[in-house]
């Protein structure tokens, strides 16, 4: 689920279902426009500071 996303700054965080783990998402990793509270599917990839969500789609 999308925990937070700021369109002006182009980033946010997605919380992994069933855990409290947050993953960074950058606007360049979006397939669909997302908003807080949206359920999303995504792929995780290694970034500079940990795992990042990419190919983010609203489900």
PDB file of N, CA and C in Angstrom:
ATOM      1  N   UNK A   1       0.849  -1.175   0.000  1.00  0.00           N
ATOM      2  CA  UNK A   1       0.000   0.000   0.000  1.00  0.00           C
ATOM      3  C   UNK A   1       0.897   1.242   0.000  1.00  0.00           C
ATOM      4  N   UNK A   2       0.458   2.271  -0.713  1.00  0.00           N
ATOM      5  CA  UNK A   2       1.208   3.517  -0.762  1.00  0.00           C
ATOM      6  C   UNK A   2       1.023   4.237   0.575  1.00  0.00           C
ATOM      7  N   UNK A   3       2.110   4.383   1.298  1.00  0.00           N
ATOM      8  CA  UNK A   3       2.085   5.028   2.613  1.00  0.00           C
ATOM      9  C   UNK A   3       2.113   6.548   2.449  1.00  0.00           C
ATOM     10  N   UNK A   4       2.941   7.020   1.514  1.00  0.00           N
ATOM     11  CA  UNK A   4       3.139   8.440   1.304  1.00  0.00           C
ATOM     12  C   UNK A   4       3.681   8.641  -0.103  1.00  0.00           C
ATOM     13  N   UNK A   5       3.214   9.659  -0.816  1.00  0.00           N
ATOM     14  CA  UNK A   5       3.831  10.028  -2.082  1.00  0.00           C
ATOM     15  C   UNK A   5       3.621  11.512  -2.319  1.00  0.00           C
ATOM     16  N   UNK A   6       4.719  12.223  -2.600  1.00  0.00           N
ATOM     17  CA  UNK A   6       4.679  13.652  -2.851  1.00  0.00           C
ATOM     18  C   UNK A   6       4.979  13.887  -4.333  1.00  0.00           C
ATOM     19  N   UNK A   7       3.951  14.257  -5.097  1.00  0.00           N
ATOM     20  CA  UNK A   7       4.125  14.484  -6.532  1.00  0.00           C
ATOM     21  C   UNK A   7       5.070  15.637  -6.825  1.00  0.00           C
ATOM     22  N   UNK A   8       5.038  16.686  -6.001  1.00  0.00           N
ATOM     23  CA  UNK A   8       5.902  17.845  -6.221  1.00  0.00           C
ATOM     24  C   UNK A   8       7.377  17.479  -6.085  1.00  0.00           C
ATOM     25  N   UNK A   9       7.693  16.634  -5.106  1.00  0.00           N
ATOM     26  CA  UNK A   9       9.087  16.239  -4.879  1.00  0.00           C
ATOM     27  C   UNK A   9       9.458  14.974  -5.651  1.00  0.00           C
ATOM     28  N   UNK A  10       8.450  14.199  -6.087  1.00  0.00           N
ATOM     29  CA  UNK A  10       8.694  13.047  -6.941  1.00  0.00           C
ATOM     30  C   UNK A  10       9.152  11.788  -6.230  1.00  0.00           C
ATOM     31  N   UNK A  11       8.773  11.641  -4.967  1.00  0.00           N
ATOM     32  CA  UNK A  11       9.136  10.413  -4.258  1.00  0.00           C
ATOM     33  C   UNK A  11       8.141  10.106  -3.156  1.00  0.00           C
ATOM     34  N   UNK A  12       8.261   8.879  -2.616  1.00  0.00           N
ATOM     35  CA  UNK A  12       7.407   8.470  -1.521  1.00  0.00           C
ATOM     36  C   UNK A  12       7.828   7.107  -1.010  1.00  0.00           C
ATOM     37  N   UNK A  13       6.913   6.469  -0.276  1.00  0.00           N
ATOM     38  CA  UNK A  13       7.200   5.172   0.319  1.00  0.00           C
ATOM     39  C   UNK A  13       6.001   4.249   0.178  1.00  0.00           C
ATOM     40  N   UNK A  14       6.289   2.985  -0.069  1.00  0.00           N
ATOM     41  CA  UNK A  14       5.280   1.937  -0.153  1.00  0.00           C
ATOM     42  C   UNK A  14       5.547   0.964   0.984  1.00  0.00           C
ATOM     43  N   UNK A  15       4.493   0.599   1.712  1.00  0.00           N
ATOM     44  CA  UNK A  15       4.616  -0.363   2.796  1.00  0.00           C
ATOM     45  C   UNK A  15       4.294  -1.752   2.270  1.00  0.00           C
ATOM     46  N   UNK A  16       5.170  -2.685   2.556  1.00  0.00           N
ATOM     47  CA  UNK A  16       4.973  -4.069   2.126  1.00  0.00           C
ATOM     48  C   UNK A  16       3.823  -4.673   2.920  1.00  0.00           C
ATOM     49  N   UNK A  17       2.878  -5.299   2.218  1.00  0.00           N
ATOM     50  CA  UNK A  17       1.730  -5.911   2.896  1.00  0.00           C
ATOM     51  C   UNK A  17       2.181  -6.993   3.854  1.00  0.00           C
ATOM     52  N   UNK A  18       1.585  -7.020   5.036  1.00  0.00           N
ATOM     53  CA  UNK A  18       1.903  -8.043   6.020  1.00  0.00           C
ATOM     54  C   UNK A  18       3.149  -7.751   6.838  1.00  0.00           C
ATOM     55  N   UNK A  19       3.755  -6.584   6.631  1.00  0.00           N
ATOM     56  CA  UNK A  19       4.929  -6.218   7.437  1.00  0.00           C
ATOM     57  C   UNK A  19       4.971  -4.705   7.604  1.00  0.00           C
ATOM     58  N   UNK A  20       5.915  -4.251   8.368  1.00  0.00           N
ATOM     59  CA  UNK A  20       6.089  -2.816   8.572  1.00  0.00           C
ATOM     60  C   UNK A  20       7.256  -2.277   7.755  1.00  0.00           C
ATOM     61  N   UNK A  21       7.667  -3.002   6.725  1.00  0.00           N
ATOM     62  CA  UNK A  21       8.803  -2.609   5.912  1.00  0.00           C
ATOM     63  C   UNK A  21       8.373  -1.597   4.856  1.00  0.00           C
ATOM     64  N   UNK A  22       9.048  -0.445   4.821  1.00  0.00           N
ATOM     65  CA  UNK A  22       8.782   0.580   3.822  1.00  0.00           C
ATOM     66  C   UNK A  22       9.845   0.525   2.733  1.00  0.00           C
ATOM     67  N   UNK A  23       9.408   0.764   1.502  1.00  0.00           N
ATOM     68  CA  UNK A  23      10.328   0.800   0.371  1.00  0.00           C
ATOM     69  C   UNK A  23      10.208   2.158  -0.315  1.00  0.00           C
ATOM     70  N   UNK A  24      11.354   2.743  -0.629  1.00  0.00           N
ATOM     71  CA  UNK A  24      11.415   4.023  -1.328  1.00  0.00           C
ATOM     72  C   UNK A  24      10.900   3.850  -2.753  1.00  0.00           C
ATOM     73  N   UNK A  25      10.146   4.820  -3.234  1.00  0.00           N
ATOM     74  CA  UNK A  25       9.708   4.829  -4.629  1.00  0.00           C
ATOM     75  C   UNK A  25       9.950   6.222  -5.201  1.00  0.00           C
ATOM     76  N   UNK A  26      10.602   6.272  -6.361  1.00  0.00           N
ATOM     77  CA  UNK A  26      10.860   7.525  -7.066  1.00  0.00           C
ATOM     78  C   UNK A  26       9.877   7.623  -8.222  1.00  0.00           C
ATOM     79  N   UNK A  27       9.534   8.816  -8.592  1.00  0.00           N
ATOM     80  CA  UNK A  27       8.565   9.028  -9.671  1.00  0.00           C
ATOM     81  C   UNK A  27       8.980   8.325 -10.969  1.00  0.00           C
ATOM     82  N   UNK A  28      10.276   8.157 -11.180  1.00  0.00           N
ATOM     83  CA  UNK A  28      10.759   7.478 -12.387  1.00  0.00           C
ATOM     84  C   UNK A  28      10.440   5.980 -12.372  1.00  0.00           C
ATOM     85  N   UNK A  29      10.076   5.436 -11.191  1.00  0.00           N
ATOM     86  CA  UNK A  29       9.747   4.022 -11.072  1.00  0.00           C
ATOM     87  C   UNK A  29       8.264   3.724 -11.211  1.00  0.00           C
ATOM     88  N   UNK A  30       7.476   4.751 -11.534  1.00  0.00           N
ATOM     89  CA  UNK A  30       6.027   4.572 -11.635  1.00  0.00           C
ATOM     90  C   UNK A  30       5.585   4.193 -13.035  1.00  0.00           C
ATOM     91  N   UNK A  31       4.643   3.265 -13.109  1.00  0.00           N
ATOM     92  CA  UNK A  31       3.948   2.951 -14.352  1.00  0.00           C
ATOM     93  C   UNK A  31       2.619   3.717 -14.346  1.00  0.00           C
ATOM     94  N   UNK A  32       1.950   3.727 -13.191  1.00  0.00           N
ATOM     95  CA  UNK A  32       0.692   4.440 -12.991  1.00  0.00           C
ATOM     96  C   UNK A  32       0.913   5.565 -11.985  1.00  0.00           C
ATOM     97  N   UNK A  33       0.049   6.571 -12.035  1.00  0.00           N
ATOM     98  CA  UNK A  33       0.065   7.618 -11.020  1.00  0.00           C
ATOM     99  C   UNK A  33      -0.452   7.013  -9.722  1.00  0.00           C
ATOM    100  N   UNK A  34       0.213   7.296  -8.610  1.00  0.00           N
ATOM    101  CA  UNK A  34      -0.195   6.729  -7.325  1.00  0.00           C
ATOM    102  C   UNK A  34      -0.541   7.827  -6.335  1.00  0.00           C
ATOM    103  N   UNK A  35      -1.363   7.434  -5.359  1.00  0.00           N
ATOM    104  CA  UNK A  35      -1.744   8.337  -4.266  1.00  0.00           C
ATOM    105  C   UNK A  35      -1.687   7.568  -2.958  1.00  0.00           C
ATOM    106  N   UNK A  36      -1.609   8.299  -1.881  1.00  0.00           N
ATOM    107  CA  UNK A  36      -1.629   7.687  -0.556  1.00  0.00           C
ATOM    108  C   UNK A  36      -2.836   6.778  -0.424  1.00  0.00           C
ATOM    109  N   UNK A  37      -2.609   5.559   0.096  1.00  0.00           N
ATOM    110  CA  UNK A  37      -3.693   4.614   0.314  1.00  0.00           C
ATOM    111  C   UNK A  37      -3.937   3.660  -0.834  1.00  0.00           C
ATOM    112  N   UNK A  38      -3.353   3.932  -2.012  1.00  0.00           N
ATOM    113  CA  UNK A  38      -3.523   3.018  -3.150  1.00  0.00           C
ATOM    114  C   UNK A  38      -2.848   1.678  -2.864  1.00  0.00           C
ATOM    115  N   UNK A  39      -3.474   0.594  -3.307  1.00  0.00           N
ATOM    116  CA  UNK A  39      -2.812  -0.707  -3.288  1.00  0.00           C
ATOM    117  C   UNK A  39      -2.018  -0.797  -4.575  1.00  0.00           C
ATOM    118  N   UNK A  40      -0.789  -1.273  -4.465  1.00  0.00           N
ATOM    119  CA  UNK A  40       0.077  -1.297  -5.644  1.00  0.00           C
ATOM    120  C   UNK A  40       0.876  -2.583  -5.695  1.00  0.00           C
ATOM    121  N   UNK A  41       1.239  -2.977  -6.926  1.00  0.00           N
ATOM    122  CA  UNK A  41       2.179  -4.070  -7.118  1.00  0.00           C
ATOM    123  C   UNK A  41       3.440  -3.447  -7.689  1.00  0.00           C
ATOM    124  N   UNK A  42       4.571  -4.067  -7.386  1.00  0.00           N
ATOM    125  CA  UNK A  42       5.847  -3.480  -7.769  1.00  0.00           C
ATOM    126  C   UNK A  42       6.946  -4.522  -7.725  1.00  0.00           C
ATOM    127  N   UNK A  43       8.076  -4.162  -8.278  1.00  0.00           N
ATOM    128  CA  UNK A  43       9.275  -4.986  -8.244  1.00  0.00           C
ATOM    129  C   UNK A  43      10.292  -4.262  -7.379  1.00  0.00           C
ATOM    130  N   UNK A  44      11.044  -5.010  -6.598  1.00  0.00           N
ATOM    131  CA  UNK A  44      12.092  -4.397  -5.769  1.00  0.00           C
ATOM    132  C   UNK A  44      13.433  -4.527  -6.467  1.00  0.00           C
ATOM    133  N   UNK A  45      14.203  -3.455  -6.418  1.00  0.00           N
ATOM    134  CA  UNK A  45      15.541  -3.450  -6.986  1.00  0.00           C
ATOM    135  C   UNK A  45      16.480  -2.762  -5.998  1.00  0.00           C
ATOM    136  N   UNK A  46      17.732  -3.153  -6.009  1.00  0.00           N
ATOM    137  CA  UNK A  46      18.719  -2.588  -5.075  1.00  0.00           C
ATOM    138  C   UNK A  46      19.066  -1.167  -5.497  1.00  0.00           C
ATOM    139  N   UNK A  47      18.956  -0.237  -4.556  1.00  0.00           N
ATOM    140  CA  UNK A  47      19.317   1.161  -4.798  1.00  0.00           C
ATOM    141  C   UNK A  47      20.507   1.549  -3.947  1.00  0.00           C
ATOM    142  N   UNK A  48      20.858   2.822  -3.957  1.00  0.00           N
ATOM    143  CA  UNK A  48      22.008   3.324  -3.196  1.00  0.00           C
ATOM    144  C   UNK A  48      21.845   3.124  -1.696  1.00  0.00           C
ATOM    145  N   UNK A  49      20.594   3.233  -1.210  1.00  0.00           N
ATOM    146  CA  UNK A  49      20.359   3.154   0.235  1.00  0.00           C
ATOM    147  C   UNK A  49      19.421   2.008   0.608  1.00  0.00           C
ATOM    148  N   UNK A  50      19.377   0.968  -0.199  1.00  0.00           N
ATOM    149  CA  UNK A  50      18.504  -0.162   0.105  1.00  0.00           C
ATOM    150  C   UNK A  50      17.596  -0.477  -1.063  1.00  0.00           C
ATOM    151  N   UNK A  51      16.545  -1.227  -0.774  1.00  0.00           N
ATOM    152  CA  UNK A  51      15.632  -1.654  -1.824  1.00  0.00           C
ATOM    153  C   UNK A  51      14.681  -0.522  -2.241  1.00  0.00           C
ATOM    154  N   UNK A  52      14.480  -0.407  -3.552  1.00  0.00           N
ATOM    155  CA  UNK A  52      13.572   0.586  -4.118  1.00  0.00           C
ATOM    156  C   UNK A  52      12.456  -0.133  -4.875  1.00  0.00           C
ATOM    157  N   UNK A  53      11.272   0.442  -4.821  1.00  0.00           N
ATOM    158  CA  UNK A  53      10.143  -0.083  -5.593  1.00  0.00           C
ATOM    159  C   UNK A  53      10.195   0.521  -6.997  1.00  0.00           C
ATOM    160  N   UNK A  54      10.112  -0.343  -8.019  1.00  0.00           N
ATOM    161  CA  UNK A  54      10.059   0.110  -9.412  1.00  0.00           C
ATOM    162  C   UNK A  54       8.929  -0.627 -10.122  1.00  0.00           C
ATOM    163  N   UNK A  55       8.594  -0.182 -11.324  1.00  0.00           N
ATOM    164  CA  UNK A  55       7.470  -0.762 -12.079  1.00  0.00           C
ATOM    165  C   UNK A  55       6.205  -0.776 -11.230  1.00  0.00           C
ATOM    166  N   UNK A  56       5.948   0.336 -10.553  1.00  0.00           N
ATOM    167  CA  UNK A  56       4.825   0.442  -9.622  1.00  0.00           C
ATOM    168  C   UNK A  56       3.530   0.662 -10.387  1.00  0.00           C
ATOM    169  N   UNK A  57       2.551  -0.248 -10.156  1.00  0.00           N
ATOM    170  CA  UNK A  57       1.245  -0.198 -10.795  1.00  0.00           C
ATOM    171  C   UNK A  57       0.165  -0.262  -9.725  1.00  0.00           C
ATOM    172  N   UNK A  58      -0.894   0.497  -9.925  1.00  0.00           N
ATOM    173  CA  UNK A  58      -2.051   0.437  -9.015  1.00  0.00           C
ATOM    174  C   UNK A  58      -2.844  -0.809  -9.327  1.00  0.00           C
ATOM    175  N   UNK A  59      -3.262  -1.532  -8.255  1.00  0.00           N
ATOM    176  CA  UNK A  59      -4.104  -2.720  -8.468  1.00  0.00           C
ATOM    177  C   UNK A  59      -5.473  -2.513  -7.863  1.00  0.00           C
TER     178      UNK A  59
END
